[in-house]
Amino acid sequence: MQGEMTHHLGYEKNSSTGNNTGNSRNGKSSKKLKGDFGTIDLEVPRDRNGSFEPQIIRKGQTRFTGFDEKIISMYSRGMTTREISQHLKEIYQVEVSADLISQVTDSVMETVIEWQNRPLDKVYPILIMDALIVKVRDGNHVVNKAFYLALGINLHNRVSKILRLNGDLC
């Protein structure tokens, strides 16, 4: 949210270009935010004129829905629980433990396993296969990874996602 404040004011913190502009940073206010993960305390920056309204967490907002989905999205992109924790701290100034992130990711594993073991139709007259190749950080290197998707259209013209696979590019 500090980045949003810098954008709002038009100058970096402690920059001389902010002198005599009529508006400046004015500390922080505390805020409690409820979500899927429980309640957390945040520090929201303020400006002297009271015109700053953060976009990440708006004024008057008390619930932060979709937090679990954001964690799962980052996890599915290959981030570790510690990287996710650091990322959330950088963006939201929120301490989220790696254990909490593990609980969130573990909560969807049952659904993932159920989806992987679901029965498929015996016949798919139309099968569409595609791969998206993206650059992914692997340790200290950036490598190409292929993300495969197979869609099948059954005899009743219903589309089913048959396969989603993250793999190495040969």
N, C-alpha and C. Protein backbone atom coordinates (compact mmCIF):
# COMPACT_ATOMS: atom_id res chain seq x y z
N MET A 1 0.82 -1.19 0.00
CA MET A 1 0.00 0.00 0.00
C MET A 1 0.87 1.26 0.00
N GLN A 2 2.13 1.08 0.42
CA GLN A 2 3.04 2.23 0.38
C GLN A 2 3.26 2.68 -1.07
N GLY A 3 3.32 1.71 -1.98
CA GLY A 3 3.47 2.03 -3.40
C GLY A 3 2.28 2.82 -3.91
N GLU A 4 1.10 2.45 -3.46
CA GLU A 4 -0.11 3.19 -3.84
C GLU A 4 -0.05 4.62 -3.31
N MET A 5 0.46 4.78 -2.08
CA MET A 5 0.58 6.11 -1.49
C MET A 5 1.57 6.96 -2.30
N THR A 6 2.69 6.37 -2.69
CA THR A 6 3.68 7.09 -3.50
C THR A 6 3.05 7.54 -4.81
N HIS A 7 2.30 6.66 -5.44
CA HIS A 7 1.62 7.02 -6.70
C HIS A 7 0.60 8.14 -6.47
N HIS A 8 -0.15 8.04 -5.39
CA HIS A 8 -1.17 9.04 -5.07
C HIS A 8 -0.56 10.43 -4.85
N LEU A 9 0.54 10.47 -4.09
CA LEU A 9 1.17 11.76 -3.77
C LEU A 9 2.04 12.27 -4.91
N GLY A 10 2.58 11.36 -5.71
CA GLY A 10 3.42 11.78 -6.82
C GLY A 10 4.89 11.92 -6.49
N TYR A 11 5.30 11.45 -5.33
CA TYR A 11 6.72 11.50 -4.96
C TYR A 11 7.03 10.42 -3.93
N GLU A 12 8.30 10.00 -3.91
CA GLU A 12 8.77 8.97 -2.98
C GLU A 12 8.79 9.51 -1.55
N LYS A 13 8.77 8.61 -0.59
CA LYS A 13 8.86 8.98 0.81
C LYS A 13 10.18 9.70 1.06
N ASN A 14 10.16 10.77 1.84
CA ASN A 14 11.33 11.59 2.20
C ASN A 14 11.97 12.30 1.01
N SER A 15 11.26 12.41 -0.11
CA SER A 15 11.80 13.10 -1.28
C SER A 15 11.56 14.61 -1.13
N SER A 16 12.55 15.40 -1.56
CA SER A 16 12.42 16.86 -1.46
C SER A 16 11.37 17.39 -2.43
N THR A 17 11.02 16.63 -3.45
CA THR A 17 10.00 17.09 -4.40
C THR A 17 8.62 17.17 -3.75
N GLY A 18 8.47 16.57 -2.59
CA GLY A 18 7.19 16.61 -1.89
C GLY A 18 7.00 17.85 -1.03
N ASN A 19 8.06 18.65 -0.87
CA ASN A 19 7.96 19.86 -0.04
C ASN A 19 6.98 20.86 -0.66
N ASN A 20 6.14 21.43 0.18
CA ASN A 20 5.19 22.48 -0.23
C ASN A 20 4.21 22.02 -1.31
N THR A 21 3.86 20.75 -1.32
CA THR A 21 2.89 20.27 -2.30
C THR A 21 1.46 20.35 -1.77
N GLY A 22 1.32 20.58 -0.48
CA GLY A 22 -0.01 20.68 0.11
C GLY A 22 -0.55 19.37 0.64
N ASN A 23 0.13 18.29 0.35
CA ASN A 23 -0.31 16.99 0.87
C ASN A 23 0.93 16.13 1.12
N SER A 24 0.91 15.39 2.20
CA SER A 24 2.06 14.53 2.52
C SER A 24 1.59 13.33 3.33
N ARG A 25 2.50 12.42 3.56
CA ARG A 25 2.19 11.25 4.37
C ARG A 25 1.87 11.70 5.80
N ASN A 26 0.96 10.96 6.43
CA ASN A 26 0.55 11.34 7.78
C ASN A 26 0.38 10.09 8.64
N GLY A 27 1.39 9.24 8.64
CA GLY A 27 1.35 8.05 9.49
C GLY A 27 0.50 6.94 8.92
N LYS A 28 0.03 6.10 9.82
CA LYS A 28 -0.75 4.93 9.43
C LYS A 28 -1.92 4.77 10.38
N SER A 29 -2.95 4.13 9.90
CA SER A 29 -4.07 3.77 10.78
C SER A 29 -4.17 2.25 10.80
N SER A 30 -4.61 1.72 11.93
CA SER A 30 -4.74 0.27 12.02
C SER A 30 -6.13 -0.15 11.58
N LYS A 31 -6.21 -1.35 11.06
CA LYS A 31 -7.47 -1.85 10.53
C LYS A 31 -7.51 -3.36 10.72
N LYS A 32 -8.66 -3.88 11.09
CA LYS A 32 -8.85 -5.33 11.19
C LYS A 32 -9.58 -5.79 9.94
N LEU A 33 -9.10 -6.87 9.38
CA LEU A 33 -9.68 -7.39 8.16
C LEU A 33 -10.00 -8.86 8.36
N LYS A 34 -11.25 -9.24 8.07
CA LYS A 34 -11.68 -10.63 8.22
C LYS A 34 -11.68 -11.30 6.86
N GLY A 35 -11.35 -12.58 6.86
CA GLY A 35 -11.34 -13.33 5.60
C GLY A 35 -11.43 -14.81 5.87
N ASP A 36 -11.20 -15.57 4.82
CA ASP A 36 -11.24 -17.03 4.93
C ASP A 36 -10.21 -17.54 5.92
N PHE A 37 -9.17 -16.77 6.14
CA PHE A 37 -8.01 -17.16 6.94
C PHE A 37 -8.13 -16.74 8.39
N GLY A 38 -9.17 -16.02 8.76
CA GLY A 38 -9.31 -15.49 10.11
C GLY A 38 -9.26 -13.97 10.08
N THR A 39 -8.85 -13.36 11.18
CA THR A 39 -8.76 -11.90 11.27
C THR A 39 -7.29 -11.50 11.34
N ILE A 40 -6.94 -10.46 10.58
CA ILE A 40 -5.57 -9.95 10.61
C ILE A 40 -5.60 -8.45 10.86
N ASP A 41 -4.52 -7.94 11.41
CA ASP A 41 -4.37 -6.51 11.63
C ASP A 41 -3.50 -5.93 10.53
N LEU A 42 -3.95 -4.82 9.96
CA LEU A 42 -3.21 -4.14 8.90
C LEU A 42 -2.88 -2.72 9.33
N GLU A 43 -1.84 -2.17 8.74
CA GLU A 43 -1.53 -0.75 8.90
C GLU A 43 -1.72 -0.09 7.55
N VAL A 44 -2.69 0.80 7.46
CA VAL A 44 -3.02 1.48 6.22
C VAL A 44 -2.43 2.89 6.26
N PRO A 45 -1.62 3.28 5.27
CA PRO A 45 -1.04 4.62 5.27
C PRO A 45 -2.12 5.70 5.10
N ARG A 46 -1.84 6.89 5.68
CA ARG A 46 -2.75 8.04 5.57
C ARG A 46 -2.01 9.22 4.95
N ASP A 47 -2.78 10.12 4.36
CA ASP A 47 -2.20 11.40 3.92
C ASP A 47 -2.89 12.52 4.68
N ARG A 48 -2.27 13.69 4.70
CA ARG A 48 -2.79 14.82 5.49
C ARG A 48 -4.17 15.27 5.05
N ASN A 49 -4.42 15.25 3.74
CA ASN A 49 -5.71 15.72 3.24
C ASN A 49 -6.81 14.67 3.37
N GLY A 50 -6.45 13.45 3.72
CA GLY A 50 -7.45 12.38 3.84
C GLY A 50 -8.01 11.93 2.51
N SER A 51 -7.30 12.21 1.43
CA SER A 51 -7.81 11.86 0.10
C SER A 51 -7.29 10.51 -0.41
N PHE A 52 -6.37 9.89 0.33
CA PHE A 52 -5.82 8.61 -0.13
C PHE A 52 -6.78 7.48 0.17
N GLU A 53 -7.13 6.73 -0.87
CA GLU A 53 -7.96 5.54 -0.70
C GLU A 53 -7.27 4.38 -1.40
N PRO A 54 -6.72 3.43 -0.63
CA PRO A 54 -6.01 2.31 -1.25
C PRO A 54 -6.94 1.47 -2.12
N GLN A 55 -6.41 0.97 -3.22
CA GLN A 55 -7.20 0.14 -4.12
C GLN A 55 -7.19 -1.32 -3.69
N ILE A 56 -6.09 -1.74 -3.05
CA ILE A 56 -5.98 -3.14 -2.63
C ILE A 56 -7.03 -3.45 -1.57
N ILE A 57 -7.11 -2.60 -0.57
CA ILE A 57 -8.10 -2.74 0.50
C ILE A 57 -8.75 -1.37 0.67
N ARG A 58 -9.97 -1.25 0.26
CA ARG A 58 -10.65 0.05 0.22
C ARG A 58 -11.10 0.51 1.61
N LYS A 59 -11.34 1.81 1.72
CA LYS A 59 -11.85 2.37 2.97
C LYS A 59 -13.18 1.70 3.31
N GLY A 60 -13.35 1.38 4.58
CA GLY A 60 -14.59 0.77 5.04
C GLY A 60 -14.68 -0.73 4.79
N GLN A 61 -13.75 -1.29 4.04
CA GLN A 61 -13.77 -2.73 3.76
C GLN A 61 -13.35 -3.49 5.01
N THR A 62 -14.16 -4.45 5.41
CA THR A 62 -13.82 -5.25 6.60
C THR A 62 -13.59 -6.72 6.26
N ARG A 63 -13.97 -7.11 5.05
CA ARG A 63 -13.77 -8.51 4.64
C ARG A 63 -12.85 -8.55 3.44
N PHE A 64 -12.01 -9.57 3.41
CA PHE A 64 -11.11 -9.78 2.28
C PHE A 64 -11.39 -11.18 1.76
N THR A 65 -12.34 -11.26 0.81
CA THR A 65 -12.72 -12.55 0.27
C THR A 65 -11.78 -12.95 -0.85
N GLY A 66 -11.71 -14.22 -1.09
CA GLY A 66 -10.87 -14.72 -2.17
C GLY A 66 -9.41 -14.86 -1.80
N PHE A 67 -9.07 -14.69 -0.53
CA PHE A 67 -7.68 -14.78 -0.10
C PHE A 67 -7.14 -16.19 -0.33
N ASP A 68 -7.94 -17.19 -0.01
CA ASP A 68 -7.52 -18.58 -0.23
C ASP A 68 -7.25 -18.82 -1.71
N GLU A 69 -8.11 -18.28 -2.58
CA GLU A 69 -7.93 -18.47 -4.02
C GLU A 69 -6.62 -17.85 -4.49
N LYS A 70 -6.24 -16.72 -3.91
CA LYS A 70 -4.97 -16.08 -4.28
C LYS A 70 -3.79 -16.95 -3.86
N ILE A 71 -3.88 -17.53 -2.67
CA ILE A 71 -2.81 -18.42 -2.19
C ILE A 71 -2.71 -19.64 -3.10
N ILE A 72 -3.84 -20.24 -3.43
CA ILE A 72 -3.84 -21.43 -4.29
C ILE A 72 -3.32 -21.09 -5.68
N SER A 73 -3.68 -19.93 -6.18
CA SER A 73 -3.19 -19.50 -7.49
C SER A 73 -1.67 -19.38 -7.49
N MET A 74 -1.11 -18.75 -6.46
CA MET A 74 0.35 -18.61 -6.38
C MET A 74 1.01 -19.98 -6.23
N TYR A 75 0.40 -20.84 -5.44
CA TYR A 75 0.95 -22.18 -5.22
C TYR A 75 0.94 -22.99 -6.51
N SER A 76 -0.13 -22.85 -7.28
CA SER A 76 -0.23 -23.60 -8.54
C SER A 76 0.76 -23.09 -9.57
N ARG A 77 1.25 -21.88 -9.40
CA ARG A 77 2.26 -21.33 -10.31
C ARG A 77 3.68 -21.70 -9.89
N GLY A 78 3.78 -22.54 -8.86
CA GLY A 78 5.08 -23.07 -8.49
C GLY A 78 5.77 -22.35 -7.34
N MET A 79 5.09 -21.39 -6.70
CA MET A 79 5.71 -20.70 -5.57
C MET A 79 5.66 -21.60 -4.34
N THR A 80 6.71 -21.56 -3.53
CA THR A 80 6.73 -22.33 -2.29
C THR A 80 5.89 -21.60 -1.24
N THR A 81 5.59 -22.28 -0.14
CA THR A 81 4.79 -21.65 0.91
C THR A 81 5.54 -20.45 1.51
N ARG A 82 6.84 -20.55 1.62
CA ARG A 82 7.63 -19.42 2.16
C ARG A 82 7.66 -18.25 1.18
N GLU A 83 7.75 -18.54 -0.12
CA GLU A 83 7.71 -17.48 -1.13
C GLU A 83 6.36 -16.78 -1.12
N ILE A 84 5.29 -17.56 -0.97
CA ILE A 84 3.95 -16.97 -0.91
C ILE A 84 3.84 -16.08 0.32
N SER A 85 4.34 -16.54 1.45
CA SER A 85 4.32 -15.76 2.69
C SER A 85 5.05 -14.43 2.50
N GLN A 86 6.23 -14.48 1.89
CA GLN A 86 7.00 -13.26 1.63
C GLN A 86 6.26 -12.33 0.69
N HIS A 87 5.66 -12.91 -0.36
CA HIS A 87 4.94 -12.13 -1.36
C HIS A 87 3.75 -11.40 -0.72
N LEU A 88 3.00 -12.09 0.12
CA LEU A 88 1.86 -11.47 0.79
C LEU A 88 2.31 -10.36 1.73
N LYS A 89 3.45 -10.56 2.38
CA LYS A 89 3.98 -9.52 3.27
C LYS A 89 4.38 -8.29 2.47
N GLU A 90 5.01 -8.49 1.30
CA GLU A 90 5.42 -7.37 0.47
C GLU A 90 4.23 -6.59 -0.07
N ILE A 91 3.19 -7.30 -0.49
CA ILE A 91 2.04 -6.64 -1.10
C ILE A 91 1.08 -6.06 -0.08
N TYR A 92 0.71 -6.86 0.93
CA TYR A 92 -0.34 -6.46 1.86
C TYR A 92 0.19 -6.07 3.24
N GLN A 93 1.50 -6.16 3.47
CA GLN A 93 2.09 -5.94 4.80
C GLN A 93 1.38 -6.81 5.84
N VAL A 94 1.16 -8.07 5.48
CA VAL A 94 0.45 -9.01 6.33
C VAL A 94 1.37 -10.20 6.59
N GLU A 95 1.50 -10.56 7.87
CA GLU A 95 2.27 -11.74 8.24
C GLU A 95 1.36 -12.96 8.12
N VAL A 96 1.62 -13.80 7.13
CA VAL A 96 0.88 -15.04 6.96
C VAL A 96 1.90 -16.17 7.05
N SER A 97 1.71 -17.07 8.00
CA SER A 97 2.69 -18.12 8.22
C SER A 97 2.66 -19.15 7.09
N ALA A 98 3.80 -19.79 6.89
CA ALA A 98 3.89 -20.86 5.89
C ALA A 98 2.96 -22.01 6.28
N ASP A 99 2.73 -22.21 7.59
CA ASP A 99 1.82 -23.26 8.04
C ASP A 99 0.39 -22.98 7.60
N LEU A 100 -0.05 -21.72 7.70
CA LEU A 100 -1.40 -21.36 7.26
C LEU A 100 -1.52 -21.59 5.75
N ILE A 101 -0.49 -21.22 5.01
CA ILE A 101 -0.52 -21.41 3.56
C ILE A 101 -0.59 -22.90 3.24
N SER A 102 0.14 -23.72 3.99
CA SER A 102 0.08 -25.17 3.80
C SER A 102 -1.32 -25.70 4.07
N GLN A 103 -1.98 -25.19 5.11
CA GLN A 103 -3.35 -25.62 5.42
C GLN A 103 -4.29 -25.28 4.27
N VAL A 104 -4.13 -24.08 3.71
CA VAL A 104 -4.99 -23.65 2.60
C VAL A 104 -4.77 -24.55 1.38
N THR A 105 -3.50 -24.79 1.04
CA THR A 105 -3.22 -25.63 -0.14
C THR A 105 -3.64 -27.07 0.09
N ASP A 106 -3.46 -27.57 1.32
CA ASP A 106 -3.88 -28.95 1.63
C ASP A 106 -5.39 -29.11 1.54
N SER A 107 -6.13 -28.03 1.83
CA SER A 107 -7.59 -28.10 1.83
C SER A 107 -8.15 -28.38 0.43
N VAL A 108 -7.42 -28.03 -0.62
CA VAL A 108 -7.92 -28.28 -1.97
C VAL A 108 -7.40 -29.59 -2.55
N MET A 109 -6.43 -30.21 -1.88
CA MET A 109 -5.84 -31.44 -2.42
C MET A 109 -6.87 -32.56 -2.57
N GLU A 110 -7.82 -32.64 -1.65
CA GLU A 110 -8.87 -33.67 -1.75
C GLU A 110 -9.68 -33.47 -3.03
N THR A 111 -10.02 -32.23 -3.33
CA THR A 111 -10.77 -31.91 -4.54
C THR A 111 -9.94 -32.24 -5.78
N VAL A 112 -8.66 -31.92 -5.75
CA VAL A 112 -7.77 -32.19 -6.89
C VAL A 112 -7.69 -33.70 -7.14
N ILE A 113 -7.49 -34.46 -6.08
CA ILE A 113 -7.39 -35.93 -6.22
C ILE A 113 -8.70 -36.51 -6.73
N GLU A 114 -9.82 -35.98 -6.22
CA GLU A 114 -11.14 -36.43 -6.68
C GLU A 114 -11.31 -36.16 -8.17
N TRP A 115 -10.90 -34.97 -8.63
CA TRP A 115 -11.00 -34.60 -10.04
C TRP A 115 -10.11 -35.51 -10.89
N GLN A 116 -8.91 -35.80 -10.42
CA GLN A 116 -7.98 -36.64 -11.17
C GLN A 116 -8.50 -38.07 -11.32
N ASN A 117 -9.29 -38.53 -10.36
CA ASN A 117 -9.78 -39.91 -10.37
C ASN A 117 -11.23 -40.04 -10.83
N ARG A 118 -11.81 -38.99 -11.37
CA ARG A 118 -13.20 -39.03 -11.81
C ARG A 118 -13.33 -39.92 -13.05
N PRO A 119 -14.50 -40.50 -13.24
CA PRO A 119 -14.68 -41.34 -14.43
C PRO A 119 -14.82 -40.47 -15.69
N LEU A 120 -14.22 -40.92 -16.77
CA LEU A 120 -14.32 -40.23 -18.06
C LEU A 120 -15.27 -40.99 -18.97
N ASP A 121 -15.82 -40.28 -19.96
CA ASP A 121 -16.64 -40.95 -20.96
C ASP A 121 -15.76 -41.91 -21.75
N LYS A 122 -16.37 -42.95 -22.31
CA LYS A 122 -15.59 -43.92 -23.08
C LYS A 122 -15.22 -43.37 -24.45
N VAL A 123 -16.05 -42.47 -24.98
CA VAL A 123 -15.81 -41.95 -26.33
C VAL A 123 -15.87 -40.43 -26.32
N TYR A 124 -14.89 -39.82 -26.94
CA TYR A 124 -14.88 -38.38 -27.20
C TYR A 124 -14.64 -38.21 -28.70
N PRO A 125 -15.70 -37.93 -29.47
CA PRO A 125 -15.52 -37.80 -30.92
C PRO A 125 -14.55 -36.67 -31.30
N ILE A 126 -14.50 -35.65 -30.47
CA ILE A 126 -13.59 -34.54 -30.74
C ILE A 126 -12.68 -34.37 -29.54
N LEU A 127 -11.39 -34.34 -29.82
CA LEU A 127 -10.39 -34.15 -28.77
C LEU A 127 -9.50 -32.99 -29.18
N ILE A 128 -9.39 -32.01 -28.32
CA ILE A 128 -8.57 -30.82 -28.59
C ILE A 128 -7.42 -30.82 -27.61
N MET A 129 -6.21 -30.75 -28.14
CA MET A 129 -5.03 -30.73 -27.27
C MET A 129 -4.21 -29.49 -27.60
N ASP A 130 -3.65 -28.89 -26.55
CA ASP A 130 -2.84 -27.69 -26.75
C ASP A 130 -1.82 -27.62 -25.63
N ALA A 131 -0.79 -26.85 -25.88
CA ALA A 131 0.24 -26.61 -24.87
C ALA A 131 0.62 -25.14 -24.90
N LEU A 132 0.82 -24.60 -23.75
CA LEU A 132 1.30 -23.23 -23.61
C LEU A 132 2.69 -23.31 -23.01
N ILE A 133 3.66 -22.71 -23.68
CA ILE A 133 5.03 -22.76 -23.19
C ILE A 133 5.35 -21.42 -22.54
N VAL A 134 5.75 -21.49 -21.28
CA VAL A 134 6.06 -20.28 -20.52
C VAL A 134 7.43 -20.42 -19.87
N LYS A 135 8.02 -19.29 -19.58
CA LYS A 135 9.30 -19.27 -18.89
C LYS A 135 9.02 -19.29 -17.39
N VAL A 136 9.69 -20.21 -16.68
CA VAL A 136 9.48 -20.40 -15.25
C VAL A 136 10.82 -20.39 -14.54
N ARG A 137 10.86 -19.74 -13.38
CA ARG A 137 12.09 -19.73 -12.60
C ARG A 137 12.24 -21.08 -11.92
N ASP A 138 13.41 -21.69 -12.11
CA ASP A 138 13.73 -22.97 -11.49
C ASP A 138 15.07 -22.80 -10.79
N GLY A 139 15.02 -22.48 -9.49
CA GLY A 139 16.25 -22.17 -8.76
C GLY A 139 16.82 -20.86 -9.26
N ASN A 140 18.03 -20.89 -9.77
CA ASN A 140 18.68 -19.68 -10.28
C ASN A 140 18.56 -19.55 -11.79
N HIS A 141 17.80 -20.45 -12.42
CA HIS A 141 17.69 -20.45 -13.87
C HIS A 141 16.25 -20.22 -14.29
N VAL A 142 16.09 -19.72 -15.50
CA VAL A 142 14.77 -19.61 -16.11
C VAL A 142 14.71 -20.67 -17.20
N VAL A 143 13.69 -21.51 -17.12
CA VAL A 143 13.54 -22.61 -18.07
C VAL A 143 12.17 -22.54 -18.73
N ASN A 144 12.06 -23.16 -19.89
CA ASN A 144 10.77 -23.26 -20.57
C ASN A 144 10.01 -24.46 -20.03
N LYS A 145 8.75 -24.25 -19.69
CA LYS A 145 7.88 -25.34 -19.23
C LYS A 145 6.64 -25.34 -20.11
N ALA A 146 6.15 -26.52 -20.37
CA ALA A 146 4.93 -26.66 -21.15
C ALA A 146 3.78 -26.98 -20.20
N PHE A 147 2.67 -26.31 -20.38
CA PHE A 147 1.46 -26.58 -19.63
C PHE A 147 0.45 -27.13 -20.64
N TYR A 148 0.11 -28.40 -20.49
CA TYR A 148 -0.72 -29.10 -21.45
C TYR A 148 -2.18 -29.07 -21.01
N LEU A 149 -3.06 -29.01 -22.01
CA LEU A 149 -4.49 -29.04 -21.75
C LEU A 149 -5.14 -29.91 -22.81
N ALA A 150 -5.99 -30.82 -22.38
CA ALA A 150 -6.75 -31.65 -23.31
C ALA A 150 -8.23 -31.48 -22.99
N LEU A 151 -9.00 -31.11 -23.99
CA LEU A 151 -10.44 -30.96 -23.86
C LEU A 151 -11.11 -31.99 -24.75
N GLY A 152 -12.15 -32.60 -24.24
CA GLY A 152 -12.90 -33.57 -25.03
C GLY A 152 -14.34 -33.13 -25.16
N ILE A 153 -14.90 -33.32 -26.34
CA ILE A 153 -16.33 -33.04 -26.56
C ILE A 153 -17.00 -34.40 -26.70
N ASN A 154 -17.94 -34.69 -25.79
CA ASN A 154 -18.55 -36.02 -25.79
C ASN A 154 -19.70 -36.10 -26.79
N LEU A 155 -20.39 -37.22 -26.80
CA LEU A 155 -21.48 -37.44 -27.76
C LEU A 155 -22.67 -36.51 -27.53
N HIS A 156 -22.75 -35.88 -26.37
CA HIS A 156 -23.85 -34.96 -26.05
C HIS A 156 -23.42 -33.51 -26.22
N ASN A 157 -22.29 -33.29 -26.92
CA ASN A 157 -21.74 -31.95 -27.19
C ASN A 157 -21.36 -31.19 -25.93
N ARG A 158 -21.00 -31.90 -24.90
CA ARG A 158 -20.52 -31.26 -23.67
C ARG A 158 -19.00 -31.30 -23.65
N VAL A 159 -18.42 -30.17 -23.27
CA VAL A 159 -16.96 -30.07 -23.22
C VAL A 159 -16.49 -30.48 -21.83
N SER A 160 -15.49 -31.33 -21.78
CA SER A 160 -14.90 -31.77 -20.52
C SER A 160 -13.41 -31.51 -20.56
N LYS A 161 -12.91 -30.98 -19.45
CA LYS A 161 -11.46 -30.87 -19.33
C LYS A 161 -10.97 -32.25 -18.93
N ILE A 162 -10.21 -32.86 -19.81
CA ILE A 162 -9.75 -34.23 -19.57
C ILE A 162 -8.42 -34.23 -18.85
N LEU A 163 -7.54 -33.30 -19.22
CA LEU A 163 -6.20 -33.34 -18.67
C LEU A 163 -5.64 -31.93 -18.57
N ARG A 164 -5.02 -31.65 -17.46
CA ARG A 164 -4.22 -30.43 -17.30
C ARG A 164 -2.93 -30.89 -16.66
N LEU A 165 -1.82 -30.64 -17.34
CA LEU A 165 -0.56 -31.19 -16.89
C LEU A 165 0.54 -30.16 -17.01
N ASN A 166 1.32 -30.02 -15.98
CA ASN A 166 2.51 -29.17 -16.03
C ASN A 166 3.68 -30.09 -16.30
N GLY A 167 4.46 -29.80 -17.33
CA GLY A 167 5.57 -30.69 -17.66
C GLY A 167 6.79 -29.94 -18.13
N ASP A 168 7.89 -30.67 -18.25
CA ASP A 168 9.13 -30.11 -18.76
C ASP A 168 9.09 -30.10 -20.28
N LEU A 169 9.70 -29.09 -20.85
CA LEU A 169 9.82 -29.01 -22.29
C LEU A 169 11.08 -29.77 -22.69
N CYS A 170 10.93 -30.73 -23.56
CA CYS A 170 12.09 -31.55 -23.97
C CYS A 170 12.91 -30.84 -25.02
